[in-house]
All heavy atoms as atom14 arrays in JSON, in Angstrom:
{
  "sequence": "VKDNVLKNIFTSRSNATMSDILMNVVNTNICNECSLRHNFKYDIEL",
  "atom14_mask": [
    [1, 1, 1, 1, 1, 1, 1, 0, 0, 0, 0, 0, 0, 0],
    [1, 1, 1, 1, 1, 1, 1, 1, 1, 0, 0, 0, 0, 0],
    [1, 1, 1, 1, 1, 1, 1, 1, 0, 0, 0, 0, 0, 0],
    [1, 1, 1, 1, 1, 1, 1, 1, 0, 0, 0, 0, 0, 0],
    [1, 1, 1, 1, 1, 1, 1, 0, 0, 0, 0, 0, 0, 0],
    [1, 1, 1, 1, 1, 1, 1, 1, 0, 0, 0, 0, 0, 0],
    [1, 1, 1, 1, 1, 1, 1, 1, 1, 0, 0, 0, 0, 0],
    [1, 1, 1, 1, 1, 1, 1, 1, 0, 0, 0, 0, 0, 0],
    [1, 1, 1, 1, 1, 1, 1, 1, 0, 0, 0, 0, 0, 0],
    [1, 1, 1, 1, 1, 1, 1, 1, 1, 1, 1, 0, 0, 0],
    [1, 1, 1, 1, 1, 1, 1, 0, 0, 0, 0, 0, 0, 0],
    [1, 1, 1, 1, 1, 1, 0, 0, 0, 0, 0, 0, 0, 0],
    [1, 1, 1, 1, 1, 1, 1, 1, 1, 1, 1, 0, 0, 0],
    [1, 1, 1, 1, 1, 1, 0, 0, 0, 0, 0, 0, 0, 0],
    [1, 1, 1, 1, 1, 1, 1, 1, 0, 0, 0, 0, 0, 0],
    [1, 1, 1, 1, 1, 0, 0, 0, 0, 0, 0, 0, 0, 0],
    [1, 1, 1, 1, 1, 1, 1, 0, 0, 0, 0, 0, 0, 0],
    [1, 1, 1, 1, 1, 1, 1, 1, 0, 0, 0, 0, 0, 0],
    [1, 1, 1, 1, 1, 1, 0, 0, 0, 0, 0, 0, 0, 0],
    [1, 1, 1, 1, 1, 1, 1, 1, 0, 0, 0, 0, 0, 0],
    [1, 1, 1, 1, 1, 1, 1, 1, 0, 0, 0, 0, 0, 0],
    [1, 1, 1, 1, 1, 1, 1, 1, 0, 0, 0, 0, 0, 0],
    [1, 1, 1, 1, 1, 1, 1, 1, 0, 0, 0, 0, 0, 0],
    [1, 1, 1, 1, 1, 1, 1, 1, 0, 0, 0, 0, 0, 0],
    [1, 1, 1, 1, 1, 1, 1, 0, 0, 0, 0, 0, 0, 0],
    [1, 1, 1, 1, 1, 1, 1, 0, 0, 0, 0, 0, 0, 0],
    [1, 1, 1, 1, 1, 1, 1, 1, 0, 0, 0, 0, 0, 0],
    [1, 1, 1, 1, 1, 1, 1, 0, 0, 0, 0, 0, 0, 0],
    [1, 1, 1, 1, 1, 1, 1, 1, 0, 0, 0, 0, 0, 0],
    [1, 1, 1, 1, 1, 1, 1, 1, 0, 0, 0, 0, 0, 0],
    [1, 1, 1, 1, 1, 1, 0, 0, 0, 0, 0, 0, 0, 0],
    [1, 1, 1, 1, 1, 1, 1, 1, 0, 0, 0, 0, 0, 0],
    [1, 1, 1, 1, 1, 1, 1, 1, 1, 0, 0, 0, 0, 0],
    [1, 1, 1, 1, 1, 1, 0, 0, 0, 0, 0, 0, 0, 0],
    [1, 1, 1, 1, 1, 1, 0, 0, 0, 0, 0, 0, 0, 0],
    [1, 1, 1, 1, 1, 1, 1, 1, 0, 0, 0, 0, 0, 0],
    [1, 1, 1, 1, 1, 1, 1, 1, 1, 1, 1, 0, 0, 0],
    [1, 1, 1, 1, 1, 1, 1, 1, 1, 1, 0, 0, 0, 0],
    [1, 1, 1, 1, 1, 1, 1, 1, 0, 0, 0, 0, 0, 0],
    [1, 1, 1, 1, 1, 1, 1, 1, 1, 1, 1, 0, 0, 0],
    [1, 1, 1, 1, 1, 1, 1, 1, 1, 0, 0, 0, 0, 0],
    [1, 1, 1, 1, 1, 1, 1, 1, 1, 1, 1, 1, 0, 0],
    [1, 1, 1, 1, 1, 1, 1, 1, 0, 0, 0, 0, 0, 0],
    [1, 1, 1, 1, 1, 1, 1, 1, 0, 0, 0, 0, 0, 0],
    [1, 1, 1, 1, 1, 1, 1, 1, 1, 0, 0, 0, 0, 0],
    [1, 1, 1, 1, 1, 1, 1, 1, 0, 0, 0, 0, 0, 0]
  ],
  "atom14_positions": [
    [[7.46, 81.39, 26.0], [6.19, 80.84, 25.3], [6.54, 80.31, 24.09], [6.12, 79.2, 23.71], [5.18, 81.94, 25.15], [3.93, 81.37, 24.57], [4.74, 82.46, 26.61], [0.0, 0.0, 0.0], [0.0, 0.0, 0.0], [0.0, 0.0, 0.0], [0.0, 0.0, 0.0], [0.0, 0.0, 0.0], [0.0, 0.0, 0.0], [0.0, 0.0, 0.0]],
    [[7.31, 81.05, 23.11], [7.72, 80.58, 21.83], [8.36, 79.29, 21.83], [8.04, 78.28, 21.16], [8.5, 81.57, 21.19], [9.1, 81.31, 19.88], [9.8, 82.51, 19.3], [10.78, 83.06, 20.11], [11.43, 84.25, 19.53], [0.0, 0.0, 0.0], [0.0, 0.0, 0.0], [0.0, 0.0, 0.0], [0.0, 0.0, 0.0], [0.0, 0.0, 0.0]],
    [[9.41, 79.14, 22.82], [10.22, 77.83, 22.89], [9.36, 76.73, 23.22], [9.44, 75.67, 22.73], [11.41, 77.99, 23.81], [12.41, 78.99, 23.23], [12.36, 79.23, 22.06], [13.35, 79.4, 24.01], [0.0, 0.0, 0.0], [0.0, 0.0, 0.0], [0.0, 0.0, 0.0], [0.0, 0.0, 0.0], [0.0, 0.0, 0.0], [0.0, 0.0, 0.0]],
    [[8.52, 76.85, 24.23], [7.63, 75.8, 24.69], [6.66, 75.39, 23.61], [6.44, 74.19, 23.54], [6.9, 76.26, 26.04], [7.78, 76.29, 27.27], [8.76, 75.69, 27.3], [7.31, 77.24, 28.15], [0.0, 0.0, 0.0], [0.0, 0.0, 0.0], [0.0, 0.0, 0.0], [0.0, 0.0, 0.0], [0.0, 0.0, 0.0], [0.0, 0.0, 0.0]],
    [[6.05, 76.32, 22.98], [5.12, 76.0, 21.91], [5.73, 75.18, 20.8], [5.22, 74.19, 20.43], [4.35, 77.28, 21.39], [3.56, 76.98, 20.13], [3.39, 77.83, 22.48], [0.0, 0.0, 0.0], [0.0, 0.0, 0.0], [0.0, 0.0, 0.0], [0.0, 0.0, 0.0], [0.0, 0.0, 0.0], [0.0, 0.0, 0.0], [0.0, 0.0, 0.0]],
    [[6.76, 75.79, 20.34], [7.55, 75.1, 19.23], [8.05, 73.74, 19.57], [7.91, 72.76, 18.82], [8.7, 75.99, 18.78], [8.28, 77.29, 18.01], [9.54, 78.07, 17.7], [7.52, 77.01, 16.74], [0.0, 0.0, 0.0], [0.0, 0.0, 0.0], [0.0, 0.0, 0.0], [0.0, 0.0, 0.0], [0.0, 0.0, 0.0], [0.0, 0.0, 0.0]],
    [[8.57, 73.65, 20.78], [9.1, 72.28, 21.28], [8.03, 71.31, 21.39], [8.17, 70.06, 21.05], [9.84, 72.49, 22.59], [10.69, 71.32, 22.86], [11.75, 71.6, 23.87], [12.68, 70.52, 24.11], [13.83, 70.71, 24.98], [0.0, 0.0, 0.0], [0.0, 0.0, 0.0], [0.0, 0.0, 0.0], [0.0, 0.0, 0.0], [0.0, 0.0, 0.0]],
    [[6.82, 71.69, 21.85], [5.66, 70.74, 21.99], [5.23, 70.41, 20.67], [4.84, 69.13, 20.38], [4.59, 71.44, 22.7], [4.77, 71.6, 24.27], [5.63, 70.8, 24.8], [4.1, 72.54, 24.86], [0.0, 0.0, 0.0], [0.0, 0.0, 0.0], [0.0, 0.0, 0.0], [0.0, 0.0, 0.0], [0.0, 0.0, 0.0], [0.0, 0.0, 0.0]],
    [[5.14, 71.26, 19.66], [4.81, 70.87, 18.24], [5.88, 69.92, 17.67], [5.46, 68.85, 17.2], [4.76, 72.2, 17.37], [3.67, 73.04, 17.76], [4.66, 71.75, 15.91], [3.58, 74.33, 16.99], [0.0, 0.0, 0.0], [0.0, 0.0, 0.0], [0.0, 0.0, 0.0], [0.0, 0.0, 0.0], [0.0, 0.0, 0.0], [0.0, 0.0, 0.0]],
    [[7.16, 70.22, 17.87], [8.16, 69.27, 17.21], [8.13, 67.96, 18.0], [8.26, 66.93, 17.24], [9.5, 69.91, 17.46], [9.73, 71.15, 16.43], [10.41, 72.21, 16.93], [9.08, 71.24, 15.22], [10.62, 73.32, 15.99], [9.25, 72.32, 14.42], [10.06, 73.36, 14.92], [0.0, 0.0, 0.0], [0.0, 0.0, 0.0], [0.0, 0.0, 0.0]],
    [[7.91, 67.84, 19.28], [7.93, 66.66, 19.95], [6.8, 65.77, 19.55], [6.89, 64.56, 19.35], [7.81, 66.84, 21.59], [8.99, 67.69, 21.88], [7.9, 65.52, 22.31], [0.0, 0.0, 0.0], [0.0, 0.0, 0.0], [0.0, 0.0, 0.0], [0.0, 0.0, 0.0], [0.0, 0.0, 0.0], [0.0, 0.0, 0.0], [0.0, 0.0, 0.0]],
    [[5.54, 66.4, 19.37], [4.42, 65.66, 18.88], [4.55, 65.04, 17.55], [3.99, 64.04, 17.26], [3.18, 66.63, 19.0], [3.23, 67.56, 18.0], [0.0, 0.0, 0.0], [0.0, 0.0, 0.0], [0.0, 0.0, 0.0], [0.0, 0.0, 0.0], [0.0, 0.0, 0.0], [0.0, 0.0, 0.0], [0.0, 0.0, 0.0], [0.0, 0.0, 0.0]],
    [[5.42, 65.66, 16.75], [5.55, 65.21, 15.36], [6.73, 64.3, 15.18], [7.1, 63.73, 14.08], [5.72, 66.39, 14.4], [4.44, 67.11, 14.29], [4.55, 68.4, 13.38], [3.2, 69.04, 13.33], [2.6, 69.1, 12.23], [2.86, 68.46, 11.19], [1.34, 69.79, 12.26], [0.0, 0.0, 0.0], [0.0, 0.0, 0.0], [0.0, 0.0, 0.0]],
    [[7.75, 64.23, 16.22], [8.91, 63.35, 16.11], [9.23, 62.76, 17.55], [8.52, 61.87, 17.9], [10.05, 64.25, 15.6], [10.16, 65.48, 16.45], [0.0, 0.0, 0.0], [0.0, 0.0, 0.0], [0.0, 0.0, 0.0], [0.0, 0.0, 0.0], [0.0, 0.0, 0.0], [0.0, 0.0, 0.0], [0.0, 0.0, 0.0], [0.0, 0.0, 0.0]],
    [[10.19, 63.23, 18.1], [10.58, 62.75, 19.48], [11.43, 63.81, 20.22], [11.66, 64.89, 19.66], [11.4, 61.44, 19.45], [12.61, 61.6, 18.52], [13.41, 62.45, 18.68], [12.71, 60.66, 17.59], [0.0, 0.0, 0.0], [0.0, 0.0, 0.0], [0.0, 0.0, 0.0], [0.0, 0.0, 0.0], [0.0, 0.0, 0.0], [0.0, 0.0, 0.0]],
    [[11.82, 63.6, 21.35], [12.38, 64.58, 22.19], [13.72, 64.99, 21.68], [14.02, 66.25, 21.6], [12.56, 64.16, 23.67], [0.0, 0.0, 0.0], [0.0, 0.0, 0.0], [0.0, 0.0, 0.0], [0.0, 0.0, 0.0], [0.0, 0.0, 0.0], [0.0, 0.0, 0.0], [0.0, 0.0, 0.0], [0.0, 0.0, 0.0], [0.0, 0.0, 0.0]],
    [[14.51, 64.09, 21.27], [15.82, 64.35, 20.49], [15.7, 65.19, 19.32], [16.34, 66.18, 19.0], [16.59, 63.13, 20.26], [16.75, 62.34, 21.48], [17.93, 63.44, 19.7], [0.0, 0.0, 0.0], [0.0, 0.0, 0.0], [0.0, 0.0, 0.0], [0.0, 0.0, 0.0], [0.0, 0.0, 0.0], [0.0, 0.0, 0.0], [0.0, 0.0, 0.0]],
    [[14.73, 64.77, 18.5], [14.49, 65.43, 17.33], [13.96, 66.86, 17.46], [14.27, 67.76, 16.72], [13.46, 64.68, 16.37], [13.4, 65.09, 14.94], [15.0, 64.82, 14.1], [14.79, 65.85, 12.67], [0.0, 0.0, 0.0], [0.0, 0.0, 0.0], [0.0, 0.0, 0.0], [0.0, 0.0, 0.0], [0.0, 0.0, 0.0], [0.0, 0.0, 0.0]],
    [[13.13, 67.09, 18.5], [12.63, 68.37, 18.75], [13.73, 69.35, 19.13], [13.71, 70.54, 18.78], [11.56, 68.37, 19.85], [12.17, 68.06, 21.11], [0.0, 0.0, 0.0], [0.0, 0.0, 0.0], [0.0, 0.0, 0.0], [0.0, 0.0, 0.0], [0.0, 0.0, 0.0], [0.0, 0.0, 0.0], [0.0, 0.0, 0.0], [0.0, 0.0, 0.0]],
    [[14.77, 68.87, 19.83], [15.88, 69.74, 20.27], [16.62, 70.13, 18.93], [17.04, 71.29, 18.77], [16.82, 68.95, 21.18], [16.19, 68.87, 22.5], [15.34, 69.63, 22.97], [16.67, 67.95, 23.22], [0.0, 0.0, 0.0], [0.0, 0.0, 0.0], [0.0, 0.0, 0.0], [0.0, 0.0, 0.0], [0.0, 0.0, 0.0], [0.0, 0.0, 0.0]],
    [[16.81, 69.18, 17.94], [17.47, 69.39, 16.76], [16.67, 70.49, 15.99], [17.33, 71.54, 15.41], [17.71, 68.15, 15.93], [18.65, 67.23, 16.71], [18.22, 68.53, 14.52], [18.65, 65.88, 16.04], [0.0, 0.0, 0.0], [0.0, 0.0, 0.0], [0.0, 0.0, 0.0], [0.0, 0.0, 0.0], [0.0, 0.0, 0.0], [0.0, 0.0, 0.0]],
    [[15.41, 70.34, 15.9], [14.61, 71.22, 15.14], [14.61, 72.68, 15.72], [14.6, 73.65, 14.96], [13.08, 70.76, 14.99], [12.96, 69.52, 14.11], [11.58, 68.89, 14.31], [13.22, 69.83, 12.63], [0.0, 0.0, 0.0], [0.0, 0.0, 0.0], [0.0, 0.0, 0.0], [0.0, 0.0, 0.0], [0.0, 0.0, 0.0], [0.0, 0.0, 0.0]],
    [[14.56, 72.73, 17.12], [14.63, 74.11, 17.72], [15.87, 74.76, 17.37], [15.91, 75.98, 17.11], [14.51, 73.78, 19.19], [13.16, 73.45, 19.71], [11.88, 74.81, 19.45], [12.62, 76.1, 20.47], [0.0, 0.0, 0.0], [0.0, 0.0, 0.0], [0.0, 0.0, 0.0], [0.0, 0.0, 0.0], [0.0, 0.0, 0.0], [0.0, 0.0, 0.0]],
    [[17.06, 74.04, 17.33], [18.27, 74.68, 16.91], [18.23, 75.15, 15.58], [18.68, 76.3, 15.34], [19.37, 73.62, 17.1], [20.82, 74.19, 16.87], [21.1, 75.18, 17.49], [21.53, 73.61, 15.89], [0.0, 0.0, 0.0], [0.0, 0.0, 0.0], [0.0, 0.0, 0.0], [0.0, 0.0, 0.0], [0.0, 0.0, 0.0], [0.0, 0.0, 0.0]],
    [[17.64, 74.42, 14.59], [17.61, 74.85, 13.26], [16.79, 76.14, 13.18], [17.11, 77.0, 12.42], [16.97, 73.75, 12.31], [16.74, 74.22, 10.93], [18.01, 72.57, 12.27], [0.0, 0.0, 0.0], [0.0, 0.0, 0.0], [0.0, 0.0, 0.0], [0.0, 0.0, 0.0], [0.0, 0.0, 0.0], [0.0, 0.0, 0.0], [0.0, 0.0, 0.0]],
    [[15.56, 76.07, 13.77], [14.7, 77.32, 13.64], [15.39, 78.58, 14.18], [15.38, 79.55, 13.63], [13.43, 77.08, 14.49], [12.57, 78.29, 14.6], [12.56, 76.05, 13.69], [0.0, 0.0, 0.0], [0.0, 0.0, 0.0], [0.0, 0.0, 0.0], [0.0, 0.0, 0.0], [0.0, 0.0, 0.0], [0.0, 0.0, 0.0], [0.0, 0.0, 0.0]],
    [[16.01, 78.38, 15.51], [16.64, 79.56, 16.1], [17.86, 79.94, 15.22], [18.25, 81.17, 15.19], [17.1, 79.23, 17.56], [15.91, 79.06, 18.46], [14.97, 79.85, 18.26], [15.94, 78.08, 19.39], [0.0, 0.0, 0.0], [0.0, 0.0, 0.0], [0.0, 0.0, 0.0], [0.0, 0.0, 0.0], [0.0, 0.0, 0.0], [0.0, 0.0, 0.0]],
    [[18.6, 79.16, 14.53], [19.7, 79.54, 13.75], [19.2, 80.22, 12.47], [19.69, 81.18, 12.08], [20.45, 78.28, 13.27], [20.95, 77.61, 14.45], [21.68, 78.74, 12.41], [0.0, 0.0, 0.0], [0.0, 0.0, 0.0], [0.0, 0.0, 0.0], [0.0, 0.0, 0.0], [0.0, 0.0, 0.0], [0.0, 0.0, 0.0], [0.0, 0.0, 0.0]],
    [[18.09, 79.67, 11.84], [17.64, 80.28, 10.5], [16.9, 81.55, 10.64], [16.72, 82.32, 9.74], [16.81, 79.26, 9.87], [17.62, 78.21, 9.04], [18.1, 78.41, 8.01], [17.82, 77.13, 9.78], [0.0, 0.0, 0.0], [0.0, 0.0, 0.0], [0.0, 0.0, 0.0], [0.0, 0.0, 0.0], [0.0, 0.0, 0.0], [0.0, 0.0, 0.0]],
    [[16.31, 81.81, 11.93], [15.44, 82.95, 12.1], [16.34, 84.15, 12.57], [15.83, 85.3, 12.48], [14.37, 82.75, 13.11], [13.14, 83.63, 12.84], [14.88, 82.9, 14.59], [12.42, 83.32, 11.63], [0.0, 0.0, 0.0], [0.0, 0.0, 0.0], [0.0, 0.0, 0.0], [0.0, 0.0, 0.0], [0.0, 0.0, 0.0], [0.0, 0.0, 0.0]],
    [[17.63, 84.03, 12.88], [18.49, 85.01, 13.33], [18.85, 85.98, 12.23], [18.5, 85.72, 10.99], [19.65, 84.51, 14.02], [20.92, 83.82, 12.94], [0.0, 0.0, 0.0], [0.0, 0.0, 0.0], [0.0, 0.0, 0.0], [0.0, 0.0, 0.0], [0.0, 0.0, 0.0], [0.0, 0.0, 0.0], [0.0, 0.0, 0.0], [0.0, 0.0, 0.0]],
    [[19.5, 86.96, 12.49], [19.86, 88.09, 11.52], [20.64, 87.54, 10.3], [20.54, 88.01, 9.21], [20.65, 89.17, 12.28], [20.74, 90.37, 11.36], [19.82, 90.75, 10.6], [21.91, 91.01, 11.41], [0.0, 0.0, 0.0], [0.0, 0.0, 0.0], [0.0, 0.0, 0.0], [0.0, 0.0, 0.0], [0.0, 0.0, 0.0], [0.0, 0.0, 0.0]],
    [[21.45, 86.51, 10.63], [22.28, 86.01, 9.53], [21.6, 85.27, 8.41], [22.02, 85.07, 7.26], [23.42, 85.14, 10.03], [24.55, 85.87, 10.75], [24.08, 86.25, 12.1], [23.09, 85.82, 12.65], [24.82, 87.07, 12.73], [0.0, 0.0, 0.0], [0.0, 0.0, 0.0], [0.0, 0.0, 0.0], [0.0, 0.0, 0.0], [0.0, 0.0, 0.0]],
    [[20.38, 84.79, 8.75], [19.62, 84.02, 7.87], [18.79, 84.91, 6.89], [18.29, 85.95, 7.35], [18.64, 83.19, 8.55], [17.42, 82.34, 7.49], [0.0, 0.0, 0.0], [0.0, 0.0, 0.0], [0.0, 0.0, 0.0], [0.0, 0.0, 0.0], [0.0, 0.0, 0.0], [0.0, 0.0, 0.0], [0.0, 0.0, 0.0], [0.0, 0.0, 0.0]],
    [[18.74, 84.48, 5.58], [17.91, 85.24, 4.66], [16.97, 84.36, 4.0], [17.18, 83.17, 3.74], [18.96, 85.78, 3.55], [19.56, 84.78, 2.8], [0.0, 0.0, 0.0], [0.0, 0.0, 0.0], [0.0, 0.0, 0.0], [0.0, 0.0, 0.0], [0.0, 0.0, 0.0], [0.0, 0.0, 0.0], [0.0, 0.0, 0.0], [0.0, 0.0, 0.0]],
    [[15.79, 84.93, 3.78], [14.75, 84.34, 2.98], [14.76, 85.03, 1.64], [14.69, 86.22, 1.56], [13.38, 84.49, 3.58], [13.31, 84.03, 5.12], [11.92, 84.34, 5.61], [13.6, 82.56, 5.16], [0.0, 0.0, 0.0], [0.0, 0.0, 0.0], [0.0, 0.0, 0.0], [0.0, 0.0, 0.0], [0.0, 0.0, 0.0], [0.0, 0.0, 0.0]],
    [[14.91, 84.2, 0.58], [14.99, 84.79, -0.79], [13.68, 84.79, -1.61], [13.16, 83.69, -1.7], [16.14, 84.17, -1.55], [17.51, 84.39, -0.94], [18.58, 84.01, -1.88], [18.67, 82.73, -2.26], [19.67, 82.08, -2.81], [20.79, 82.77, -3.13], [19.69, 80.78, -3.3], [0.0, 0.0, 0.0], [0.0, 0.0, 0.0], [0.0, 0.0, 0.0]],
    [[13.4, 85.95, -2.16], [12.23, 86.04, -3.08], [12.77, 86.55, -4.36], [13.92, 86.91, -4.51], [11.18, 86.99, -2.53], [10.63, 86.58, -1.26], [9.37, 86.04, -1.18], [10.98, 86.55, -0.01], [8.99, 85.69, 0.11], [10.12, 86.01, 0.86], [0.0, 0.0, 0.0], [0.0, 0.0, 0.0], [0.0, 0.0, 0.0], [0.0, 0.0, 0.0]],
    [[11.78, 86.45, -5.44], [12.15, 87.01, -6.74], [13.5, 86.51, -7.29], [14.29, 87.21, -7.98], [12.28, 88.54, -6.7], [11.1, 89.19, -6.07], [9.93, 88.79, -6.33], [11.28, 90.25, -5.24], [0.0, 0.0, 0.0], [0.0, 0.0, 0.0], [0.0, 0.0, 0.0], [0.0, 0.0, 0.0], [0.0, 0.0, 0.0], [0.0, 0.0, 0.0]],
    [[13.78, 85.27, -7.03], [15.0, 84.55, -7.37], [15.03, 84.26, -8.94], [14.21, 83.48, -9.34], [15.21, 83.39, -6.64], [16.66, 82.67, -6.84], [17.64, 83.05, -6.1], [16.69, 81.68, -7.83], [18.88, 82.43, -6.31], [17.86, 81.14, -8.04], [19.06, 81.44, -7.23], [0.0, 0.0, 0.0], [0.0, 0.0, 0.0], [0.0, 0.0, 0.0]],
    [[15.92, 84.83, -9.65], [15.98, 84.7, -11.09], [17.52, 84.42, -11.45], [18.38, 85.42, -11.13], [15.46, 85.86, -11.87], [15.26, 85.53, -13.31], [14.46, 86.62, -13.97], [14.09, 86.36, -15.53], [15.32, 86.25, -16.36], [0.0, 0.0, 0.0], [0.0, 0.0, 0.0], [0.0, 0.0, 0.0], [0.0, 0.0, 0.0], [0.0, 0.0, 0.0]],
    [[17.77, 83.37, -12.02], [19.14, 83.02, -12.39], [19.28, 82.69, -13.83], [18.79, 81.66, -14.2], [19.76, 81.9, -11.46], [21.24, 81.7, -11.35], [21.69, 80.73, -10.56], [22.11, 82.44, -12.09], [23.09, 80.53, -10.46], [23.41, 82.31, -12.0], [23.91, 81.23, -11.13], [25.25, 81.09, -11.01], [0.0, 0.0, 0.0], [0.0, 0.0, 0.0]],
    [[19.96, 83.5, -14.62], [20.11, 83.2, -16.1], [21.52, 83.01, -16.29], [22.47, 83.66, -16.03], [19.65, 84.35, -16.98], [18.2, 84.68, -16.74], [17.45, 83.72, -16.83], [17.82, 85.93, -16.68], [0.0, 0.0, 0.0], [0.0, 0.0, 0.0], [0.0, 0.0, 0.0], [0.0, 0.0, 0.0], [0.0, 0.0, 0.0], [0.0, 0.0, 0.0]],
    [[21.72, 81.74, -16.96], [23.07, 81.27, -17.45], [23.17, 81.06, -18.87], [22.3, 80.45, -19.52], [23.47, 79.99, -16.64], [23.32, 80.13, -15.18], [24.96, 79.52, -16.98], [22.44, 79.14, -14.57], [0.0, 0.0, 0.0], [0.0, 0.0, 0.0], [0.0, 0.0, 0.0], [0.0, 0.0, 0.0], [0.0, 0.0, 0.0], [0.0, 0.0, 0.0]],
    [[24.25, 81.55, -19.54], [24.43, 81.39, -21.01], [25.83, 80.93, -21.35], [26.82, 81.46, -20.89], [24.1, 82.7, -21.72], [24.2, 82.5, -23.22], [23.95, 83.8, -23.99], [23.78, 84.9, -23.42], [23.83, 83.81, -25.24], [0.0, 0.0, 0.0], [0.0, 0.0, 0.0], [0.0, 0.0, 0.0], [0.0, 0.0, 0.0], [0.0, 0.0, 0.0]],
    [[26.07, 79.88, -22.14], [27.28, 79.33, -22.46], [27.54, 79.66, -23.94], [26.76, 79.34, -24.8], [27.15, 77.76, -22.22], [28.43, 77.05, -22.05], [29.06, 77.42, -20.74], [28.1, 75.57, -22.04], [0.0, 0.0, 0.0], [0.0, 0.0, 0.0], [0.0, 0.0, 0.0], [0.0, 0.0, 0.0], [0.0, 0.0, 0.0], [0.0, 0.0, 0.0]]
  ]
}
């Protein structure tokens, strides 16, 4: 169901080829290796 829904959304907003690319990106980024970062603070001093 998830794949069909997402693919239909992507196809409606782009084309069939692009929807396949987007599906691959989503499935790659949602897997365990992907991280979503919050509270990101980076201080640099020279």
